[in-house]
PDB file of N, CA and C in Angstrom:
ATOM      1  N   ASN A   1     -12.583  -6.729 -15.191  1.00  0.00           N
ATOM      2  CA  ASN A   1     -11.694  -5.972 -15.702  1.00  0.00           C
ATOM      3  C   ASN A   1     -11.604  -4.544 -15.123  1.00  0.00           C
ATOM      4  N   LEU A   2      -9.992  -4.333 -14.639  1.00  0.00           N
ATOM      5  CA  LEU A   2      -9.713  -3.390 -13.845  1.00  0.00           C
ATOM      6  C   LEU A   2      -9.408  -1.793 -14.227  1.00  0.00           C
ATOM      7  N   GLY A   3      -9.900  -1.700 -15.451  1.00  0.00           N
ATOM      8  CA  GLY A   3      -9.819  -0.630 -16.428  1.00  0.00           C
ATOM      9  C   GLY A   3     -11.006   0.058 -16.688  1.00  0.00           C
ATOM     10  N   LEU A   4     -11.158   1.406 -17.148  1.00  0.00           N
ATOM     11  CA  LEU A   4     -12.440   2.346 -17.364  1.00  0.00           C
ATOM     12  C   LEU A   4     -12.709   1.905 -18.873  1.00  0.00           C
ATOM     13  N   GLN A   5     -13.962   2.323 -19.215  1.00  0.00           N
ATOM     14  CA  GLN A   5     -14.489   2.030 -20.272  1.00  0.00           C
ATOM     15  C   GLN A   5     -13.536   3.190 -21.425  1.00  0.00           C
ATOM     16  N   ASP A   6     -13.797   2.756 -22.632  1.00  0.00           N
ATOM     17  CA  ASP A   6     -12.950   3.257 -23.880  1.00  0.00           C
ATOM     18  C   ASP A   6     -13.548   4.825 -23.617  1.00  0.00           C
ATOM     19  N   SER A   7     -12.321   5.597 -24.038  1.00  0.00           N
ATOM     20  CA  SER A   7     -12.642   7.003 -23.953  1.00  0.00           C
ATOM     21  C   SER A   7     -13.079   7.569 -25.107  1.00  0.00           C
ATOM     22  N   SER A   8     -13.768   8.730 -24.844  1.00  0.00           N
ATOM     23  CA  SER A   8     -14.029   9.475 -26.080  1.00  0.00           C
ATOM     24  C   SER A   8     -13.768  11.061 -26.372  1.00  0.00           C
ATOM     25  N   SER A   9     -13.215  11.307 -25.262  1.00  0.00           N
ATOM     26  CA  SER A   9     -12.398  12.508 -25.190  1.00  0.00           C
ATOM     27  C   SER A   9     -10.850  12.678 -25.378  1.00  0.00           C
ATOM     28  N   PRO A  10     -10.102  13.884 -25.385  1.00  0.00           N
ATOM     29  CA  PRO A  10      -8.911  13.512 -24.866  1.00  0.00           C
ATOM     30  C   PRO A  10      -8.857  13.699 -23.563  1.00  0.00           C
ATOM     31  N   LEU A  11      -9.387  14.234 -22.837  1.00  0.00           N
ATOM     32  CA  LEU A  11      -9.422  14.250 -21.257  1.00  0.00           C
ATOM     33  C   LEU A  11      -9.117  12.940 -20.903  1.00  0.00           C
ATOM     34  N   MET A  12     -10.406  12.551 -21.255  1.00  0.00           N
ATOM     35  CA  MET A  12     -10.741  10.880 -20.743  1.00  0.00           C
ATOM     36  C   MET A  12      -9.589  10.126 -20.782  1.00  0.00           C
ATOM     37  N   GLU A  13      -8.932  10.217 -21.892  1.00  0.00           N
ATOM     38  CA  GLU A  13      -7.934   9.427 -22.433  1.00  0.00           C
ATOM     39  C   GLU A  13      -6.691   9.876 -21.267  1.00  0.00           C
ATOM     40  N   GLN A  14      -6.501  11.087 -20.879  1.00  0.00           N
ATOM     41  CA  GLN A  14      -5.607  11.347 -20.083  1.00  0.00           C
ATOM     42  C   GLN A  14      -5.868  10.906 -18.633  1.00  0.00           C
ATOM     43  N   LEU A  15      -7.259  10.808 -18.508  1.00  0.00           N
ATOM     44  CA  LEU A  15      -7.750  10.236 -17.127  1.00  0.00           C
ATOM     45  C   LEU A  15      -7.519   8.583 -17.022  1.00  0.00           C
ATOM     46  N   ASN A  16      -7.628   7.981 -18.262  1.00  0.00           N
ATOM     47  CA  ASN A  16      -7.353   6.870 -18.415  1.00  0.00           C
ATOM     48  C   ASN A  16      -5.866   6.509 -18.046  1.00  0.00           C
ATOM     49  N   PHE A  17      -5.259   6.772 -18.332  1.00  0.00           N
ATOM     50  CA  PHE A  17      -3.610   6.858 -18.793  1.00  0.00           C
ATOM     51  C   PHE A  17      -3.217   7.270 -17.127  1.00  0.00           C
ATOM     52  N   PHE A  18      -3.655   8.083 -16.340  1.00  0.00           N
ATOM     53  CA  PHE A  18      -3.419   8.310 -14.809  1.00  0.00           C
ATOM     54  C   PHE A  18      -4.351   7.208 -14.265  1.00  0.00           C
ATOM     55  N   HIS A  19      -5.180   6.465 -14.245  1.00  0.00           N
ATOM     56  CA  HIS A  19      -5.408   5.429 -13.684  1.00  0.00           C
ATOM     57  C   HIS A  19      -4.873   4.357 -13.658  1.00  0.00           C
ATOM     58  N   ASP A  20      -4.166   3.826 -14.790  1.00  0.00           N
ATOM     59  CA  ASP A  20      -3.451   2.810 -15.034  1.00  0.00           C
ATOM     60  C   ASP A  20      -2.300   3.174 -14.526  1.00  0.00           C
ATOM     61  N   HIS A  21      -1.611   4.124 -14.418  1.00  0.00           N
ATOM     62  CA  HIS A  21      -0.399   4.303 -13.854  1.00  0.00           C
ATOM     63  C   HIS A  21      -0.270   4.246 -12.158  1.00  0.00           C
ATOM     64  N   THR A  22      -1.705   4.891 -11.583  1.00  0.00           N
ATOM     65  CA  THR A  22      -1.452   4.877 -10.327  1.00  0.00           C
ATOM     66  C   THR A  22      -1.996   3.428 -10.143  1.00  0.00           C
ATOM     67  N   LEU A  23      -2.716   2.662 -10.781  1.00  0.00           N
ATOM     68  CA  LEU A  23      -2.819   1.387 -10.052  1.00  0.00           C
ATOM     69  C   LEU A  23      -1.647   0.615 -10.178  1.00  0.00           C
ATOM     70  N   LEU A  24      -0.812   0.879 -11.202  1.00  0.00           N
ATOM     71  CA  LEU A  24       0.413   0.254 -11.240  1.00  0.00           C
ATOM     72  C   LEU A  24       1.059   0.649  -9.987  1.00  0.00           C
ATOM     73  N   ILE A  25       1.372   1.672  -9.765  1.00  0.00           N
ATOM     74  CA  ILE A  25       2.223   2.044  -8.528  1.00  0.00           C
ATOM     75  C   ILE A  25       1.578   1.729  -7.156  1.00  0.00           C
ATOM     76  N   LEU A  26       0.389   1.588  -7.000  1.00  0.00           N
ATOM     77  CA  LEU A  26      -0.262   0.981  -5.589  1.00  0.00           C
ATOM     78  C   LEU A  26      -0.309  -0.403  -5.711  1.00  0.00           C
ATOM     79  N   THR A  27       0.162  -1.002  -6.610  1.00  0.00           N
ATOM     80  CA  THR A  27      -0.016  -2.525  -6.862  1.00  0.00           C
ATOM     81  C   THR A  27       1.619  -2.750  -6.523  1.00  0.00           C
ATOM     82  N   MET A  28       2.430  -1.930  -7.046  1.00  0.00           N
ATOM     83  CA  MET A  28       3.835  -2.255  -6.401  1.00  0.00           C
ATOM     84  C   MET A  28       4.148  -1.811  -4.886  1.00  0.00           C
ATOM     85  N   ILE A  29       3.456  -0.940  -4.634  1.00  0.00           N
ATOM     86  CA  ILE A  29       3.181  -0.425  -3.246  1.00  0.00           C
ATOM     87  C   ILE A  29       3.307  -1.465  -2.214  1.00  0.00           C
ATOM     88  N   THR A  30       1.944  -2.208  -2.875  1.00  0.00           N
ATOM     89  CA  THR A  30       1.120  -3.113  -1.832  1.00  0.00           C
ATOM     90  C   THR A  30       2.020  -4.503  -1.545  1.00  0.00           C
ATOM     91  N   ILE A  31       2.816  -4.826  -2.866  1.00  0.00           N
ATOM     92  CA  ILE A  31       3.735  -5.743  -2.864  1.00  0.00           C
ATOM     93  C   ILE A  31       4.709  -5.732  -2.299  1.00  0.00           C
ATOM     94  N   LEU A  32       5.437  -4.719  -2.345  1.00  0.00           N
ATOM     95  CA  LEU A  32       6.640  -4.349  -1.469  1.00  0.00           C
ATOM     96  C   LEU A  32       6.207  -4.391   0.290  1.00  0.00           C
ATOM     97  N   VAL A  33       5.152  -3.737   0.640  1.00  0.00           N
ATOM     98  CA  VAL A  33       4.788  -3.756   1.807  1.00  0.00           C
ATOM     99  C   VAL A  33       4.483  -4.983   2.248  1.00  0.00           C
ATOM    100  N   GLY A  34       3.542  -5.758   1.592  1.00  0.00           N
ATOM    101  CA  GLY A  34       3.593  -7.589   1.918  1.00  0.00           C
ATOM    102  C   GLY A  34       4.733  -8.248   2.310  1.00  0.00           C
ATOM    103  N   TYR A  35       5.658  -8.118   1.224  1.00  0.00           N
ATOM    104  CA  TYR A  35       7.098  -8.831   1.588  1.00  0.00           C
ATOM    105  C   TYR A  35       7.647  -8.371   2.712  1.00  0.00           C
ATOM    106  N   ILE A  36       7.610  -7.323   3.059  1.00  0.00           N
ATOM    107  CA  ILE A  36       8.521  -6.876   4.131  1.00  0.00           C
ATOM    108  C   ILE A  36       7.908  -7.022   5.416  1.00  0.00           C
ATOM    109  N   MET A  37       6.111  -6.944   5.386  1.00  0.00           N
ATOM    110  CA  MET A  37       5.599  -7.810   6.827  1.00  0.00           C
ATOM    111  C   MET A  37       5.814  -9.288   6.769  1.00  0.00           C
ATOM    112  N   GLY A  38       5.912  -9.977   5.579  1.00  0.00           N
ATOM    113  CA  GLY A  38       6.227 -11.434   5.662  1.00  0.00           C
ATOM    114  C   GLY A  38       7.420 -11.547   5.821  1.00  0.00           C
ATOM    115  N   MET A  39       8.470 -11.042   5.627  1.00  0.00           N
ATOM    116  CA  MET A  39       9.919 -11.085   6.130  1.00  0.00           C
ATOM    117  C   MET A  39      10.164 -10.603   7.668  1.00  0.00           C
ATOM    118  N   LEU A  40       9.538  -9.595   8.186  1.00  0.00           N
ATOM    119  CA  LEU A  40       9.426  -9.493   9.584  1.00  0.00           C
ATOM    120  C   LEU A  40       8.973 -10.635  10.520  1.00  0.00           C
ATOM    121  N   MET A  41       7.421 -11.369   9.737  1.00  0.00           N
ATOM    122  CA  MET A  41       6.815 -12.105  10.851  1.00  0.00           C
ATOM    123  C   MET A  41       7.498 -13.525  10.549  1.00  0.00           C
ATOM    124  N   PHE A  42       8.201 -13.555   9.519  1.00  0.00           N
ATOM    125  CA  PHE A  42       8.983 -15.332   9.333  1.00  0.00           C
ATOM    126  C   PHE A  42      10.144 -15.177   9.396  1.00  0.00           C
ATOM    127  N   ASN A  43      11.162 -14.111   9.782  1.00  0.00           N
ATOM    128  CA  ASN A  43      12.740 -14.333   9.927  1.00  0.00           C
ATOM    129  C   ASN A  43      13.060 -14.472  11.208  1.00  0.00           C
ATOM    130  N   LYS A  44      13.668 -15.390  11.645  1.00  0.00           N
ATOM    131  CA  LYS A  44      13.985 -15.828  12.786  1.00  0.00           C
ATOM    132  C   LYS A  44      14.988 -14.924  13.657  1.00  0.00           C
ATOM    133  N   PHE A  45      15.646 -14.107  12.557  1.00  0.00           N
ATOM    134  CA  PHE A  45      16.683 -13.312  13.051  1.00  0.00           C
ATOM    135  C   PHE A  45      16.445 -11.904  13.547  1.00  0.00           C
ATOM    136  N   THR A  46      15.113 -11.553  13.252  1.00  0.00           N
ATOM    137  CA  THR A  46      14.265 -10.202  13.862  1.00  0.00           C
ATOM    138  C   THR A  46      14.445 -10.369  15.226  1.00  0.00           C
ATOM    139  N   ASN A  47      14.622  -8.961  15.804  1.00  0.00           N
ATOM    140  CA  ASN A  47      14.039  -8.973  17.385  1.00  0.00           C
ATOM    141  C   ASN A  47      12.402  -9.400  17.514  1.00  0.00           C
ATOM    142  N   ARG A  48      12.323 -10.225  18.656  1.00  0.00           N
ATOM    143  CA  ARG A  48      11.147 -11.003  18.894  1.00  0.00           C
ATOM    144  C   ARG A  48      10.174  -9.903  19.338  1.00  0.00           C
ATOM    145  N   TYR A  49      10.832  -8.449  19.839  1.00  0.00           N
ATOM    146  CA  TYR A  49       9.671  -7.736  20.441  1.00  0.00           C
ATOM    147  C   TYR A  49       9.283  -6.487  19.424  1.00  0.00           C
ATOM    148  N   LEU A  50      10.378  -6.448  18.504  1.00  0.00           N
ATOM    149  CA  LEU A  50      10.089  -6.016  17.366  1.00  0.00           C
ATOM    150  C   LEU A  50       8.391  -5.414  16.930  1.00  0.00           C
ATOM    151  N   LEU A  51       7.608  -6.677  16.933  1.00  0.00           N
ATOM    152  CA  LEU A  51       6.336  -6.422  16.245  1.00  0.00           C
ATOM    153  C   LEU A  51       5.327  -6.288  17.425  1.00  0.00           C
ATOM    154  N   HIS A  52       5.715  -6.171  18.563  1.00  0.00           N
ATOM    155  CA  HIS A  52       5.081  -5.922  19.717  1.00  0.00           C
ATOM    156  C   HIS A  52       5.059  -4.329  20.481  1.00  0.00           C
ATOM    157  N   GLY A  53       4.386  -3.421  19.327  1.00  0.00           N
ATOM    158  CA  GLY A  53       4.406  -2.238  19.684  1.00  0.00           C
ATOM    159  C   GLY A  53       3.438  -1.444  20.185  1.00  0.00           C
ATOM    160  N   GLN A  54       2.764  -1.892  21.640  1.00  0.00           N
ATOM    161  CA  GLN A  54       1.459  -1.404  21.764  1.00  0.00           C
ATOM    162  C   GLN A  54       1.495   0.028  22.414  1.00  0.00           C
ATOM    163  N   THR A  55       2.802   0.432  22.830  1.00  0.00           N
ATOM    164  CA  THR A  55       2.949   1.801  23.300  1.00  0.00           C
ATOM    165  C   THR A  55       2.731   2.672  22.082  1.00  0.00           C
ATOM    166  N   ILE A  56       3.385   2.410  20.861  1.00  0.00           N
ATOM    167  CA  ILE A  56       3.400   3.399  19.934  1.00  0.00           C
ATOM    168  C   ILE A  56       1.827   3.250  19.206  1.00  0.00           C
ATOM    169  N   GLU A  57       1.793   2.233  19.229  1.00  0.00           N
ATOM    170  CA  GLU A  57       0.321   1.885  18.635  1.00  0.00           C
ATOM    171  C   GLU A  57      -0.808   2.585  19.483  1.00  0.00           C
ATOM    172  N   ILE A  58      -0.787   2.694  20.715  1.00  0.00           N
ATOM    173  CA  ILE A  58      -1.824   3.828  21.439  1.00  0.00           C
ATOM    174  C   ILE A  58      -1.494   4.907  21.062  1.00  0.00           C
ATOM    175  N   ILE A  59      -0.495   5.492  21.173  1.00  0.00           N
ATOM    176  CA  ILE A  59       0.058   7.037  20.744  1.00  0.00           C
ATOM    177  C   ILE A  59      -0.604   7.100  19.687  1.00  0.00           C
ATOM    178  N   TRP A  60      -0.200   6.423  18.303  1.00  0.00           N
ATOM    179  CA  TRP A  60      -0.885   7.238  17.027  1.00  0.00           C
ATOM    180  C   TRP A  60      -2.266   6.800  16.809  1.00  0.00           C
ATOM    181  N   THR A  61      -3.002   6.039  17.856  1.00  0.00           N
ATOM    182  CA  THR A  61      -4.652   6.129  17.751  1.00  0.00           C
ATOM    183  C   THR A  61      -5.108   7.323  18.571  1.00  0.00           C
ATOM    184  N   VAL A  62      -4.455   7.655  19.812  1.00  0.00           N
ATOM    185  CA  VAL A  62      -5.340   8.706  20.498  1.00  0.00           C
ATOM    186  C   VAL A  62      -4.970   9.784  19.968  1.00  0.00           C
ATOM    187  N   LEU A  63      -3.614  10.001  19.446  1.00  0.00           N
ATOM    188  CA  LEU A  63      -3.208  11.210  19.034  1.00  0.00           C
ATOM    189  C   LEU A  63      -4.368  11.963  18.122  1.00  0.00           C
ATOM    190  N   PRO A  64      -4.488  11.622  16.962  1.00  0.00           N
ATOM    191  CA  PRO A  64      -5.432  12.268  16.301  1.00  0.00           C
ATOM    192  C   PRO A  64      -6.749  12.753  16.755  1.00  0.00           C
ATOM    193  N   ALA A  65      -7.442  11.821  17.781  1.00  0.00           N
ATOM    194  CA  ALA A  65      -8.675  12.207  18.612  1.00  0.00           C
ATOM    195  C   ALA A  65      -8.762  13.145  19.244  1.00  0.00           C
TER     196      ALA A  65
END
């Protein structure tokens, strides 16, 4: 069960509503990102060096530290 238990107050009903809609939005974002990643990995028309961005990965890994 992905939902919360039955609410007993109006505030909890609003929190339950917020939880359900947030879960829906996050699920849609996850599916979209997965689809885009799949298309980039399995499409033969993309640039083969596009997925090898070691320089930018090093920059955004070291920069916050």
